[in-house]
Amino acid sequence: MAFLSVKNIVKKFDTQTALNNVNVDIEKGELVSILGPSGCGKTTLLRIIAGLETPDMGQVFIDGKDCTQLPPSKRNFGIVFQSYALFPHMTVEQNLMFGLNQQKHLSKEERKERGGDWRKRKWIF
């Protein structure tokens, strides 16, 4: 069974069909790219998977559980957009901690440890 399954997703905006019967199965740890021209529904699909958008039809399964109606906070999924959105008044660590602090299942110590992990990495640009 796939870790993430998108089944028969349909999404329309007024008269425009953004997604028409989309099906995808993704295994845990698998790296996937969603490619296509502007306006083909890539972002809409990602927003539906993350719970930021509701499909008109179809279902999203995460680890075998139907998550179609779950709020984003219960899915443990996120999106990193092409043009990143950082808080300009915050440091790198504060920006990282903002997202981690939303993870209430992590202890304060664990969030702080994960937020500080970026300092240990070797960055090559």
PDB file of N, CA and C in Angstrom:
ATOM      1  N   MET A   1       0.849  -1.181   0.000  1.00  0.00           N
ATOM      2  CA  MET A   1       0.000   0.000   0.000  1.00  0.00           C
ATOM      3  C   MET A   1       0.895   1.246   0.000  1.00  0.00           C
ATOM      4  N   ALA A   2       0.558   2.210  -0.831  1.00  0.00           N
ATOM      5  CA  ALA A   2       1.327   3.448  -0.929  1.00  0.00           C
ATOM      6  C   ALA A   2       1.132   4.287   0.328  1.00  0.00           C
ATOM      7  N   PHE A   3       2.166   5.063   0.681  1.00  0.00           N
ATOM      8  CA  PHE A   3       2.056   5.949   1.834  1.00  0.00           C
ATOM      9  C   PHE A   3       1.075   7.086   1.549  1.00  0.00           C
ATOM     10  N   LEU A   4       1.144   7.659   0.349  1.00  0.00           N
ATOM     11  CA  LEU A   4       0.223   8.714  -0.074  1.00  0.00           C
ATOM     12  C   LEU A   4      -0.504   8.242  -1.317  1.00  0.00           C
ATOM     13  N   SER A   5      -1.829   8.223  -1.254  1.00  0.00           N
ATOM     14  CA  SER A   5      -2.646   7.854  -2.407  1.00  0.00           C
ATOM     15  C   SER A   5      -3.662   8.955  -2.672  1.00  0.00           C
ATOM     16  N   VAL A   6      -3.675   9.400  -3.905  1.00  0.00           N
ATOM     17  CA  VAL A   6      -4.650  10.380  -4.365  1.00  0.00           C
ATOM     18  C   VAL A   6      -5.545   9.627  -5.340  1.00  0.00           C
ATOM     19  N   LYS A   7      -6.829   9.584  -5.041  1.00  0.00           N
ATOM     20  CA  LYS A   7      -7.757   8.763  -5.823  1.00  0.00           C
ATOM     21  C   LYS A   7      -8.864   9.607  -6.446  1.00  0.00           C
ATOM     22  N   ASN A   8      -8.903   9.612  -7.778  1.00  0.00           N
ATOM     23  CA  ASN A   8     -10.003  10.210  -8.548  1.00  0.00           C
ATOM     24  C   ASN A   8     -10.303  11.665  -8.168  1.00  0.00           C
ATOM     25  N   ILE A   9      -9.264  12.458  -7.981  1.00  0.00           N
ATOM     26  CA  ILE A   9      -9.446  13.848  -7.551  1.00  0.00           C
ATOM     27  C   ILE A   9      -9.953  14.713  -8.713  1.00  0.00           C
ATOM     28  N   VAL A  10     -11.013  15.435  -8.427  1.00  0.00           N
ATOM     29  CA  VAL A  10     -11.584  16.407  -9.361  1.00  0.00           C
ATOM     30  C   VAL A  10     -11.694  17.729  -8.623  1.00  0.00           C
ATOM     31  N   LYS A  11     -11.251  18.803  -9.267  1.00  0.00           N
ATOM     32  CA  LYS A  11     -11.391  20.144  -8.695  1.00  0.00           C
ATOM     33  C   LYS A  11     -11.699  21.122  -9.815  1.00  0.00           C
ATOM     34  N   LYS A  12     -12.787  21.865  -9.635  1.00  0.00           N
ATOM     35  CA  LYS A  12     -13.186  22.879 -10.608  1.00  0.00           C
ATOM     36  C   LYS A  12     -13.271  24.233  -9.914  1.00  0.00           C
ATOM     37  N   PHE A  13     -12.910  25.259 -10.643  1.00  0.00           N
ATOM     38  CA  PHE A  13     -13.064  26.632 -10.203  1.00  0.00           C
ATOM     39  C   PHE A  13     -13.998  27.299 -11.209  1.00  0.00           C
ATOM     40  N   ASP A  14     -15.227  27.571 -10.801  1.00  0.00           N
ATOM     41  CA  ASP A  14     -16.263  28.073 -11.703  1.00  0.00           C
ATOM     42  C   ASP A  14     -16.398  27.113 -12.885  1.00  0.00           C
ATOM     43  N   THR A  15     -16.092  27.551 -14.088  1.00  0.00           N
ATOM     44  CA  THR A  15     -16.221  26.691 -15.269  1.00  0.00           C
ATOM     45  C   THR A  15     -14.898  26.041 -15.664  1.00  0.00           C
ATOM     46  N   GLN A  16     -13.807  26.381 -14.954  1.00  0.00           N
ATOM     47  CA  GLN A  16     -12.474  25.862 -15.278  1.00  0.00           C
ATOM     48  C   GLN A  16     -12.190  24.591 -14.472  1.00  0.00           C
ATOM     49  N   THR A  17     -11.865  23.507 -15.160  1.00  0.00           N
ATOM     50  CA  THR A  17     -11.490  22.262 -14.486  1.00  0.00           C
ATOM     51  C   THR A  17      -9.981  22.271 -14.267  1.00  0.00           C
ATOM     52  N   ALA A  18      -9.572  22.300 -12.998  1.00  0.00           N
ATOM     53  CA  ALA A  18      -8.147  22.307 -12.666  1.00  0.00           C
ATOM     54  C   ALA A  18      -7.586  20.891 -12.608  1.00  0.00           C
ATOM     55  N   LEU A  19      -8.364  19.972 -12.056  1.00  0.00           N
ATOM     56  CA  LEU A  19      -7.944  18.571 -11.941  1.00  0.00           C
ATOM     57  C   LEU A  19      -9.108  17.688 -12.358  1.00  0.00           C
ATOM     58  N   ASN A  20      -8.832  16.715 -13.207  1.00  0.00           N
ATOM     59  CA  ASN A  20      -9.893  15.855 -13.709  1.00  0.00           C
ATOM     60  C   ASN A  20      -9.497  14.395 -13.533  1.00  0.00           C
ATOM     61  N   ASN A  21     -10.004  13.777 -12.479  1.00  0.00           N
ATOM     62  CA  ASN A  21      -9.781  12.356 -12.220  1.00  0.00           C
ATOM     63  C   ASN A  21      -8.297  12.020 -12.058  1.00  0.00           C
ATOM     64  N   VAL A  22      -7.624  12.728 -11.165  1.00  0.00           N
ATOM     65  CA  VAL A  22      -6.186  12.531 -10.919  1.00  0.00           C
ATOM     66  C   VAL A  22      -5.986  11.394  -9.919  1.00  0.00           C
ATOM     67  N   ASN A  23      -5.065  10.492 -10.250  1.00  0.00           N
ATOM     68  CA  ASN A  23      -4.710   9.360  -9.396  1.00  0.00           C
ATOM     69  C   ASN A  23      -3.200   9.293  -9.268  1.00  0.00           C
ATOM     70  N   VAL A  24      -2.709   9.198  -8.036  1.00  0.00           N
ATOM     71  CA  VAL A  24      -1.271   9.119  -7.780  1.00  0.00           C
ATOM     72  C   VAL A  24      -1.049   8.243  -6.557  1.00  0.00           C
ATOM     73  N   ASP A  25      -0.046   7.371  -6.617  1.00  0.00           N
ATOM     74  CA  ASP A  25       0.394   6.588  -5.462  1.00  0.00           C
ATOM     75  C   ASP A  25       1.876   6.872  -5.251  1.00  0.00           C
ATOM     76  N   ILE A  26       2.223   7.253  -4.030  1.00  0.00           N
ATOM     77  CA  ILE A  26       3.610   7.589  -3.706  1.00  0.00           C
ATOM     78  C   ILE A  26       4.019   6.809  -2.465  1.00  0.00           C
ATOM     79  N   GLU A  27       5.144   6.117  -2.571  1.00  0.00           N
ATOM     80  CA  GLU A  27       5.669   5.351  -1.443  1.00  0.00           C
ATOM     81  C   GLU A  27       6.409   6.268  -0.471  1.00  0.00           C
ATOM     82  N   LYS A  28       6.497   5.862   0.766  1.00  0.00           N
ATOM     83  CA  LYS A  28       7.235   6.624   1.770  1.00  0.00           C
ATOM     84  C   LYS A  28       8.707   6.696   1.372  1.00  0.00           C
ATOM     85  N   GLY A  29       9.275   7.893   1.396  1.00  0.00           N
ATOM     86  CA  GLY A  29      10.670   8.099   1.043  1.00  0.00           C
ATOM     87  C   GLY A  29      10.903   8.313  -0.441  1.00  0.00           C
ATOM     88  N   GLU A  30       9.888   8.130  -1.255  1.00  0.00           N
ATOM     89  CA  GLU A  30      10.020   8.306  -2.696  1.00  0.00           C
ATOM     90  C   GLU A  30      10.081   9.796  -3.037  1.00  0.00           C
ATOM     91  N   LEU A  31      10.956  10.146  -3.956  1.00  0.00           N
ATOM     92  CA  LEU A  31      11.085  11.530  -4.405  1.00  0.00           C
ATOM     93  C   LEU A  31      10.295  11.689  -5.692  1.00  0.00           C
ATOM     94  N   VAL A  32       9.360  12.653  -5.684  1.00  0.00           N
ATOM     95  CA  VAL A  32       8.451  12.835  -6.811  1.00  0.00           C
ATOM     96  C   VAL A  32       8.472  14.292  -7.242  1.00  0.00           C
ATOM     97  N   SER A  33       8.468  14.514  -8.548  1.00  0.00           N
ATOM     98  CA  SER A  33       8.343  15.859  -9.107  1.00  0.00           C
ATOM     99  C   SER A  33       7.028  15.949  -9.854  1.00  0.00           C
ATOM    100  N   ILE A  34       6.348  17.064  -9.691  1.00  0.00           N
ATOM    101  CA  ILE A  34       5.110  17.313 -10.428  1.00  0.00           C
ATOM    102  C   ILE A  34       5.425  18.410 -11.429  1.00  0.00           C
ATOM    103  N   LEU A  35       5.384  18.048 -12.693  1.00  0.00           N
ATOM    104  CA  LEU A  35       5.771  18.967 -13.757  1.00  0.00           C
ATOM    105  C   LEU A  35       4.592  19.256 -14.668  1.00  0.00           C
ATOM    106  N   GLY A  36       4.594  20.457 -15.233  1.00  0.00           N
ATOM    107  CA  GLY A  36       3.567  20.808 -16.204  1.00  0.00           C
ATOM    108  C   GLY A  36       3.543  22.303 -16.413  1.00  0.00           C
ATOM    109  N   PRO A  37       2.838  22.728 -17.438  1.00  0.00           N
ATOM    110  CA  PRO A  37       2.776  24.157 -17.741  1.00  0.00           C
ATOM    111  C   PRO A  37       1.978  24.933 -16.693  1.00  0.00           C
ATOM    112  N   SER A  38       2.150  26.204 -16.707  1.00  0.00           N
ATOM    113  CA  SER A  38       1.419  27.089 -15.801  1.00  0.00           C
ATOM    114  C   SER A  38      -0.085  26.879 -15.975  1.00  0.00           C
ATOM    115  N   GLY A  39      -0.776  26.736 -14.852  1.00  0.00           N
ATOM    116  CA  GLY A  39      -2.226  26.602 -14.890  1.00  0.00           C
ATOM    117  C   GLY A  39      -2.749  25.195 -15.076  1.00  0.00           C
ATOM    118  N   CYS A  40      -1.875  24.184 -15.041  1.00  0.00           N
ATOM    119  CA  CYS A  40      -2.338  22.814 -15.292  1.00  0.00           C
ATOM    120  C   CYS A  40      -2.843  22.112 -14.028  1.00  0.00           C
ATOM    121  N   GLY A  41      -2.684  22.719 -12.848  1.00  0.00           N
ATOM    122  CA  GLY A  41      -3.233  22.138 -11.629  1.00  0.00           C
ATOM    123  C   GLY A  41      -2.214  21.613 -10.635  1.00  0.00           C
ATOM    124  N   LYS A  42      -0.931  21.855 -10.860  1.00  0.00           N
ATOM    125  CA  LYS A  42       0.116  21.342  -9.953  1.00  0.00           C
ATOM    126  C   LYS A  42      -0.088  21.849  -8.524  1.00  0.00           C
ATOM    127  N   THR A  43      -0.224  23.145  -8.392  1.00  0.00           N
ATOM    128  CA  THR A  43      -0.388  23.741  -7.056  1.00  0.00           C
ATOM    129  C   THR A  43      -1.714  23.327  -6.438  1.00  0.00           C
ATOM    130  N   THR A  44      -2.753  23.234  -7.236  1.00  0.00           N
ATOM    131  CA  THR A  44      -4.057  22.803  -6.723  1.00  0.00           C
ATOM    132  C   THR A  44      -3.954  21.398  -6.142  1.00  0.00           C
ATOM    133  N   LEU A  45      -3.260  20.501  -6.839  1.00  0.00           N
ATOM    134  CA  LEU A  45      -3.080  19.139  -6.335  1.00  0.00           C
ATOM    135  C   LEU A  45      -2.319  19.151  -5.007  1.00  0.00           C
ATOM    136  N   LEU A  46      -1.240  19.916  -4.942  1.00  0.00           N
ATOM    137  CA  LEU A  46      -0.462  19.988  -3.696  1.00  0.00           C
ATOM    138  C   LEU A  46      -1.291  20.578  -2.561  1.00  0.00           C
ATOM    139  N   ARG A  47      -2.081  21.583  -2.861  1.00  0.00           N
ATOM    140  CA  ARG A  47      -2.941  22.204  -1.836  1.00  0.00           C
ATOM    141  C   ARG A  47      -3.995  21.214  -1.334  1.00  0.00           C
ATOM    142  N   ILE A  48      -4.515  20.382  -2.217  1.00  0.00           N
ATOM    143  CA  ILE A  48      -5.487  19.363  -1.808  1.00  0.00           C
ATOM    144  C   ILE A  48      -4.813  18.318  -0.924  1.00  0.00           C
ATOM    145  N   ILE A  49      -3.622  17.876  -1.297  1.00  0.00           N
ATOM    146  CA  ILE A  49      -2.892  16.893  -0.483  1.00  0.00           C
ATOM    147  C   ILE A  49      -2.599  17.457   0.907  1.00  0.00           C
ATOM    148  N   ALA A  50      -2.207  18.720   0.967  1.00  0.00           N
ATOM    149  CA  ALA A  50      -1.874  19.348   2.253  1.00  0.00           C
ATOM    150  C   ALA A  50      -3.108  19.738   3.060  1.00  0.00           C
ATOM    151  N   GLY A  51      -4.282  19.713   2.434  1.00  0.00           N
ATOM    152  CA  GLY A  51      -5.506  20.061   3.146  1.00  0.00           C
ATOM    153  C   GLY A  51      -5.862  21.539   3.085  1.00  0.00           C
ATOM    154  N   LEU A  52      -5.182  22.276   2.232  1.00  0.00           N
ATOM    155  CA  LEU A  52      -5.448  23.707   2.090  1.00  0.00           C
ATOM    156  C   LEU A  52      -6.579  23.983   1.100  1.00  0.00           C
ATOM    157  N   GLU A  53      -6.966  22.959   0.378  1.00  0.00           N
ATOM    158  CA  GLU A  53      -8.036  23.048  -0.631  1.00  0.00           C
ATOM    159  C   GLU A  53      -8.835  21.760  -0.531  1.00  0.00           C
ATOM    160  N   THR A  54     -10.135  21.824  -0.790  1.00  0.00           N
ATOM    161  CA  THR A  54     -10.992  20.649  -0.732  1.00  0.00           C
ATOM    162  C   THR A  54     -11.341  20.204  -2.153  1.00  0.00           C
ATOM    163  N   PRO A  55     -11.189  18.926  -2.458  1.00  0.00           N
ATOM    164  CA  PRO A  55     -11.548  18.463  -3.805  1.00  0.00           C
ATOM    165  C   PRO A  55     -13.066  18.434  -3.972  1.00  0.00           C
ATOM    166  N   ASP A  56     -13.513  18.582  -5.195  1.00  0.00           N
ATOM    167  CA  ASP A  56     -14.947  18.440  -5.490  1.00  0.00           C
ATOM    168  C   ASP A  56     -15.345  16.971  -5.447  1.00  0.00           C
ATOM    169  N   MET A  57     -14.418  16.116  -5.863  1.00  0.00           N
ATOM    170  CA  MET A  57     -14.619  14.667  -5.818  1.00  0.00           C
ATOM    171  C   MET A  57     -13.275  14.015  -5.536  1.00  0.00           C
ATOM    172  N   GLY A  58     -13.312  12.779  -5.056  1.00  0.00           N
ATOM    173  CA  GLY A  58     -12.092  12.014  -4.842  1.00  0.00           C
ATOM    174  C   GLY A  58     -11.652  12.002  -3.400  1.00  0.00           C
ATOM    175  N   GLN A  59     -10.549  11.287  -3.146  1.00  0.00           N
ATOM    176  CA  GLN A  59     -10.063  11.093  -1.784  1.00  0.00           C
ATOM    177  C   GLN A  59      -8.546  11.169  -1.724  1.00  0.00           C
ATOM    178  N   VAL A  60      -8.048  11.566  -0.545  1.00  0.00           N
ATOM    179  CA  VAL A  60      -6.614  11.587  -0.245  1.00  0.00           C
ATOM    180  C   VAL A  60      -6.389  10.643   0.934  1.00  0.00           C
ATOM    181  N   PHE A  61      -5.525   9.652   0.721  1.00  0.00           N
ATOM    182  CA  PHE A  61      -5.193   8.699   1.781  1.00  0.00           C
ATOM    183  C   PHE A  61      -3.741   8.902   2.186  1.00  0.00           C
ATOM    184  N   ILE A  62      -3.506   9.023   3.480  1.00  0.00           N
ATOM    185  CA  ILE A  62      -2.160   9.126   4.020  1.00  0.00           C
ATOM    186  C   ILE A  62      -1.963   7.938   4.956  1.00  0.00           C
ATOM    187  N   ASP A  63      -1.005   7.097   4.614  1.00  0.00           N
ATOM    188  CA  ASP A  63      -0.712   5.884   5.386  1.00  0.00           C
ATOM    189  C   ASP A  63      -1.972   5.033   5.576  1.00  0.00           C
ATOM    190  N   GLY A  64      -2.781   4.932   4.514  1.00  0.00           N
ATOM    191  CA  GLY A  64      -3.979   4.104   4.540  1.00  0.00           C
ATOM    192  C   GLY A  64      -5.212   4.747   5.135  1.00  0.00           C
ATOM    193  N   LYS A  65      -5.084   5.952   5.679  1.00  0.00           N
ATOM    194  CA  LYS A  65      -6.209   6.631   6.337  1.00  0.00           C
ATOM    195  C   LYS A  65      -6.779   7.709   5.410  1.00  0.00           C
ATOM    196  N   ASP A  66      -8.098   7.726   5.257  1.00  0.00           N
ATOM    197  CA  ASP A  66      -8.749   8.752   4.441  1.00  0.00           C
ATOM    198  C   ASP A  66      -8.643  10.094   5.160  1.00  0.00           C
ATOM    199  N   CYS A  67      -7.866  10.990   4.579  1.00  0.00           N
ATOM    200  CA  CYS A  67      -7.612  12.298   5.189  1.00  0.00           C
ATOM    201  C   CYS A  67      -8.273  13.436   4.413  1.00  0.00           C
ATOM    202  N   THR A  68      -9.154  13.106   3.498  1.00  0.00           N
ATOM    203  CA  THR A  68      -9.749  14.100   2.612  1.00  0.00           C
ATOM    204  C   THR A  68     -10.383  15.251   3.378  1.00  0.00           C
ATOM    205  N   GLN A  69     -11.016  14.961   4.496  1.00  0.00           N
ATOM    206  CA  GLN A  69     -11.715  15.997   5.263  1.00  0.00           C
ATOM    207  C   GLN A  69     -10.925  16.498   6.480  1.00  0.00           C
ATOM    208  N   LEU A  70      -9.716  15.969   6.675  1.00  0.00           N
ATOM    209  CA  LEU A  70      -8.914  16.412   7.821  1.00  0.00           C
ATOM    210  C   LEU A  70      -8.342  17.803   7.574  1.00  0.00           C
ATOM    211  N   PRO A  71      -8.234  18.620   8.622  1.00  0.00           N
ATOM    212  CA  PRO A  71      -7.596  19.930   8.464  1.00  0.00           C
ATOM    213  C   PRO A  71      -6.096  19.771   8.255  1.00  0.00           C
ATOM    214  N   PRO A  72      -5.439  20.786   7.707  1.00  0.00           N
ATOM    215  CA  PRO A  72      -3.994  20.711   7.448  1.00  0.00           C
ATOM    216  C   PRO A  72      -3.180  20.331   8.685  1.00  0.00           C
ATOM    217  N   SER A  73      -3.571  20.810   9.842  1.00  0.00           N
ATOM    218  CA  SER A  73      -2.810  20.553  11.068  1.00  0.00           C
ATOM    219  C   SER A  73      -2.794  19.085  11.469  1.00  0.00           C
ATOM    220  N   LYS A  74      -3.702  18.289  10.936  1.00  0.00           N
ATOM    221  CA  LYS A  74      -3.782  16.865  11.280  1.00  0.00           C
ATOM    222  C   LYS A  74      -3.133  15.961  10.234  1.00  0.00           C
ATOM    223  N   ARG A  75      -2.548  16.542   9.167  1.00  0.00           N
ATOM    224  CA  ARG A  75      -2.010  15.733   8.070  1.00  0.00           C
ATOM    225  C   ARG A  75      -0.497  15.560   8.116  1.00  0.00           C
ATOM    226  N   ASN A  76       0.207  16.435   8.770  1.00  0.00           N
ATOM    227  CA  ASN A  76       1.667  16.382   8.838  1.00  0.00           C
ATOM    228  C   ASN A  76       2.302  16.472   7.448  1.00  0.00           C
ATOM    229  N   PHE A  77       1.722  17.312   6.602  1.00  0.00           N
ATOM    230  CA  PHE A  77       2.242  17.585   5.263  1.00  0.00           C
ATOM    231  C   PHE A  77       2.448  19.079   5.140  1.00  0.00           C
ATOM    232  N   GLY A  78       3.377  19.472   4.309  1.00  0.00           N
ATOM    233  CA  GLY A  78       3.598  20.886   4.046  1.00  0.00           C
ATOM    234  C   GLY A  78       3.986  21.091   2.595  1.00  0.00           C
ATOM    235  N   ILE A  79       4.037  22.336   2.200  1.00  0.00           N
ATOM    236  CA  ILE A  79       4.395  22.698   0.834  1.00  0.00           C
ATOM    237  C   ILE A  79       5.511  23.726   0.902  1.00  0.00           C
ATOM    238  N   VAL A  80       6.520  23.549   0.077  1.00  0.00           N
ATOM    239  CA  VAL A  80       7.553  24.561  -0.097  1.00  0.00           C
ATOM    240  C   VAL A  80       7.370  25.109  -1.502  1.00  0.00           C
ATOM    241  N   PHE A  81       6.970  26.346  -1.599  1.00  0.00           N
ATOM    242  CA  PHE A  81       6.673  26.926  -2.896  1.00  0.00           C
ATOM    243  C   PHE A  81       7.924  27.399  -3.607  1.00  0.00           C
ATOM    244  N   GLN A  82       7.785  27.553  -4.907  1.00  0.00           N
ATOM    245  CA  GLN A  82       8.880  27.989  -5.757  1.00  0.00           C
ATOM    246  C   GLN A  82       9.445  29.319  -5.278  1.00  0.00           C
ATOM    247  N   SER A  83       8.578  30.256  -4.988  1.00  0.00           N
ATOM    248  CA  SER A  83       9.043  31.516  -4.403  1.00  0.00           C
ATOM    249  C   SER A  83       8.760  31.420  -2.906  1.00  0.00           C
ATOM    250  N   TYR A  84       9.817  31.274  -2.169  1.00  0.00           N
ATOM    251  CA  TYR A  84       9.709  31.014  -0.742  1.00  0.00           C
ATOM    252  C   TYR A  84       9.075  32.192  -0.004  1.00  0.00           C
ATOM    253  N   ALA A  85       8.464  31.878   1.116  1.00  0.00           N
ATOM    254  CA  ALA A  85       7.817  32.899   1.932  1.00  0.00           C
ATOM    255  C   ALA A  85       8.430  32.849   3.327  1.00  0.00           C
ATOM    256  N   LEU A  86       9.328  33.754   3.590  1.00  0.00           N
ATOM    257  CA  LEU A  86       9.943  33.855   4.909  1.00  0.00           C
ATOM    258  C   LEU A  86       9.465  35.136   5.580  1.00  0.00           C
ATOM    259  N   PHE A  87       9.522  35.155   6.884  1.00  0.00           N
ATOM    260  CA  PHE A  87       9.214  36.366   7.618  1.00  0.00           C
ATOM    261  C   PHE A  87      10.483  37.219   7.632  1.00  0.00           C
ATOM    262  N   PRO A  88      10.475  38.362   6.962  1.00  0.00           N
ATOM    263  CA  PRO A  88      11.702  39.147   6.819  1.00  0.00           C
ATOM    264  C   PRO A  88      12.217  39.727   8.141  1.00  0.00           C
ATOM    265  N   HIS A  89      11.350  39.855   9.133  1.00  0.00           N
ATOM    266  CA  HIS A  89      11.756  40.419  10.415  1.00  0.00           C
ATOM    267  C   HIS A  89      12.323  39.363  11.372  1.00  0.00           C
ATOM    268  N   MET A  90      12.375  38.087  10.911  1.00  0.00           N
ATOM    269  CA  MET A  90      12.867  36.999  11.752  1.00  0.00           C
ATOM    270  C   MET A  90      14.206  36.488  11.229  1.00  0.00           C
ATOM    271  N   THR A  91      14.974  35.916  12.140  1.00  0.00           N
ATOM    272  CA  THR A  91      16.226  35.272  11.759  1.00  0.00           C
ATOM    273  C   THR A  91      15.911  33.928  11.082  1.00  0.00           C
ATOM    274  N   VAL A  92      16.942  33.274  10.531  1.00  0.00           N
ATOM    275  CA  VAL A  92      16.767  31.954   9.936  1.00  0.00           C
ATOM    276  C   VAL A  92      16.195  30.998  10.978  1.00  0.00           C
ATOM    277  N   GLU A  93      16.792  30.999  12.149  1.00  0.00           N
ATOM    278  CA  GLU A  93      16.334  30.085  13.202  1.00  0.00           C
ATOM    279  C   GLU A  93      14.895  30.384  13.621  1.00  0.00           C
ATOM    280  N   GLN A  94      14.523  31.643  13.722  1.00  0.00           N
ATOM    281  CA  GLN A  94      13.155  31.997  14.093  1.00  0.00           C
ATOM    282  C   GLN A  94      12.161  31.551  13.018  1.00  0.00           C
ATOM    283  N   ASN A  95      12.544  31.676  11.749  1.00  0.00           N
ATOM    284  CA  ASN A  95      11.685  31.202  10.667  1.00  0.00           C
ATOM    285  C   ASN A  95      11.498  29.692  10.754  1.00  0.00           C
ATOM    286  N   LEU A  96      12.574  28.953  11.017  1.00  0.00           N
ATOM    287  CA  LEU A  96      12.471  27.502  11.174  1.00  0.00           C
ATOM    288  C   LEU A  96      11.621  27.137  12.387  1.00  0.00           C
ATOM    289  N   MET A  97      11.831  27.829  13.466  1.00  0.00           N
ATOM    290  CA  MET A  97      11.110  27.530  14.700  1.00  0.00           C
ATOM    291  C   MET A  97       9.621  27.832  14.580  1.00  0.00           C
ATOM    292  N   PHE A  98       9.264  28.781  13.734  1.00  0.00           N
ATOM    293  CA  PHE A  98       7.849  29.113  13.565  1.00  0.00           C
ATOM    294  C   PHE A  98       7.059  27.868  13.157  1.00  0.00           C
ATOM    295  N   GLY A  99       7.557  27.158  12.148  1.00  0.00           N
ATOM    296  CA  GLY A  99       6.887  25.937  11.715  1.00  0.00           C
ATOM    297  C   GLY A  99       6.962  24.827  12.748  1.00  0.00           C
ATOM    298  N   LEU A 100       8.120  24.687  13.366  1.00  0.00           N
ATOM    299  CA  LEU A 100       8.284  23.639  14.381  1.00  0.00           C
ATOM    300  C   LEU A 100       7.384  23.882  15.587  1.00  0.00           C
ATOM    301  N   ASN A 101       7.178  25.123  15.932  1.00  0.00           N
ATOM    302  CA  ASN A 101       6.332  25.434  17.094  1.00  0.00           C
ATOM    303  C   ASN A 101       4.868  25.094  16.855  1.00  0.00           C
ATOM    304  N   GLN A 102       4.492  24.874  15.607  1.00  0.00           N
ATOM    305  CA  GLN A 102       3.127  24.440  15.290  1.00  0.00           C
ATOM    306  C   GLN A 102       2.959  22.941  15.532  1.00  0.00           C
ATOM    307  N   GLN A 103       4.073  22.236  15.680  1.00  0.00           N
ATOM    308  CA  GLN A 103       4.062  20.786  15.899  1.00  0.00           C
ATOM    309  C   GLN A 103       3.926  20.504  17.390  1.00  0.00           C
ATOM    310  N   LYS A 104       2.722  20.575  17.898  1.00  0.00           N
ATOM    311  CA  LYS A 104       2.471  20.456  19.337  1.00  0.00           C
ATOM    312  C   LYS A 104       2.788  19.076  19.899  1.00  0.00           C
ATOM    313  N   HIS A 105       2.915  18.064  19.018  1.00  0.00           N
ATOM    314  CA  HIS A 105       3.243  16.724  19.500  1.00  0.00           C
ATOM    315  C   HIS A 105       4.726  16.603  19.864  1.00  0.00           C
ATOM    316  N   LEU A 106       5.522  17.609  19.496  1.00  0.00           N
ATOM    317  CA  LEU A 106       6.939  17.614  19.855  1.00  0.00           C
ATOM    318  C   LEU A 106       7.125  18.399  21.146  1.00  0.00           C
ATOM    319  N   SER A 107       8.019  17.917  21.988  1.00  0.00           N
ATOM    320  CA  SER A 107       8.304  18.658  23.221  1.00  0.00           C
ATOM    321  C   SER A 107       9.073  19.930  22.871  1.00  0.00           C
ATOM    322  N   LYS A 108       9.092  20.871  23.783  1.00  0.00           N
ATOM    323  CA  LYS A 108       9.814  22.121  23.563  1.00  0.00           C
ATOM    324  C   LYS A 108      11.292  21.852  23.307  1.00  0.00           C
ATOM    325  N   GLU A 109      11.863  20.895  24.031  1.00  0.00           N
ATOM    326  CA  GLU A 109      13.275  20.551  23.857  1.00  0.00           C
ATOM    327  C   GLU A 109      13.527  19.956  22.473  1.00  0.00           C
ATOM    328  N   GLU A 110      12.610  19.090  22.016  1.00  0.00           N
ATOM    329  CA  GLU A 110      12.778  18.463  20.699  1.00  0.00           C
ATOM    330  C   GLU A 110      12.649  19.500  19.584  1.00  0.00           C
ATOM    331  N   ARG A 111      11.708  20.429  19.737  1.00  0.00           N
ATOM    332  CA  ARG A 111      11.564  21.492  18.729  1.00  0.00           C
ATOM    333  C   ARG A 111      12.816  22.354  18.688  1.00  0.00           C
ATOM    334  N   LYS A 112      13.347  22.679  19.840  1.00  0.00           N
ATOM    335  CA  LYS A 112      14.554  23.510  19.895  1.00  0.00           C
ATOM    336  C   LYS A 112      15.741  22.775  19.272  1.00  0.00           C
ATOM    337  N   GLU A 113      15.855  21.476  19.547  1.00  0.00           N
ATOM    338  CA  GLU A 113      16.951  20.679  18.979  1.00  0.00           C
ATOM    339  C   GLU A 113      16.841  20.620  17.458  1.00  0.00           C
ATOM    340  N   ARG A 114      15.639  20.347  16.958  1.00  0.00           N
ATOM    341  CA  ARG A 114      15.437  20.282  15.500  1.00  0.00           C
ATOM    342  C   ARG A 114      15.685  21.645  14.854  1.00  0.00           C
ATOM    343  N   GLY A 115      15.256  22.704  15.504  1.00  0.00           N
ATOM    344  CA  GLY A 115      15.460  24.047  14.966  1.00  0.00           C
ATOM    345  C   GLY A 115      16.923  24.425  14.897  1.00  0.00           C
ATOM    346  N   GLY A 116      17.734  23.891  15.787  1.00  0.00           N
ATOM    347  CA  GLY A 116      19.157  24.188  15.792  1.00  0.00           C
ATOM    348  C   GLY A 116      19.962  23.290  14.872  1.00  0.00           C
ATOM    349  N   ASP A 117      19.335  22.247  14.308  1.00  0.00           N
ATOM    350  CA  ASP A 117      20.035  21.309  13.428  1.00  0.00           C
ATOM    351  C   ASP A 117      20.638  21.984  12.204  1.00  0.00           C
ATOM    352  N   TRP A 118      20.048  23.073  11.752  1.00  0.00           N
ATOM    353  CA  TRP A 118      20.548  23.725  10.531  1.00  0.00           C
ATOM    354  C   TRP A 118      21.963  24.238  10.730  1.00  0.00           C
ATOM    355  N   ARG A 119      22.339  24.545  11.965  1.00  0.00           N
ATOM    356  CA  ARG A 119      23.688  25.035  12.248  1.00  0.00           C
ATOM    357  C   ARG A 119      24.745  23.944  12.049  1.00  0.00           C
ATOM    358  N   LYS A 120      24.354  22.677  12.188  1.00  0.00           N
ATOM    359  CA  LYS A 120      25.293  21.555  12.088  1.00  0.00           C
ATOM    360  C   LYS A 120      25.536  21.115  10.659  1.00  0.00           C
ATOM    361  N   ARG A 121      24.731  21.577   9.730  1.00  0.00           N
ATOM    362  CA  ARG A 121      24.836  21.133   8.339  1.00  0.00           C
ATOM    363  C   ARG A 121      25.943  21.885   7.604  1.00  0.00           C
ATOM    364  N   LYS A 122      26.498  21.200   6.620  1.00  0.00           N
ATOM    365  CA  LYS A 122      27.505  21.812   5.768  1.00  0.00           C
ATOM    366  C   LYS A 122      26.787  22.357   4.532  1.00  0.00           C
ATOM    367  N   TRP A 123      26.827  23.648   4.346  1.00  0.00           N
ATOM    368  CA  TRP A 123      26.097  24.293   3.261  1.00  0.00           C
ATOM    369  C   TRP A 123      27.045  24.579   2.105  1.00  0.00           C
ATOM    370  N   ILE A 124      26.673  24.127   0.919  1.00  0.00           N
ATOM    371  CA  ILE A 124      27.473  24.369  -0.284  1.00  0.00           C
ATOM    372  C   ILE A 124      26.548  25.024  -1.309  1.00  0.00           C
ATOM    373  N   PHE A 125      26.968  26.175  -1.789  1.00  0.00           N
ATOM    374  CA  PHE A 125      26.166  26.889  -2.792  1.00  0.00           C
ATOM    375  C   PHE A 125      26.973  27.094  -4.046  1.00  0.00           C
TER     376      PHE A 125
END
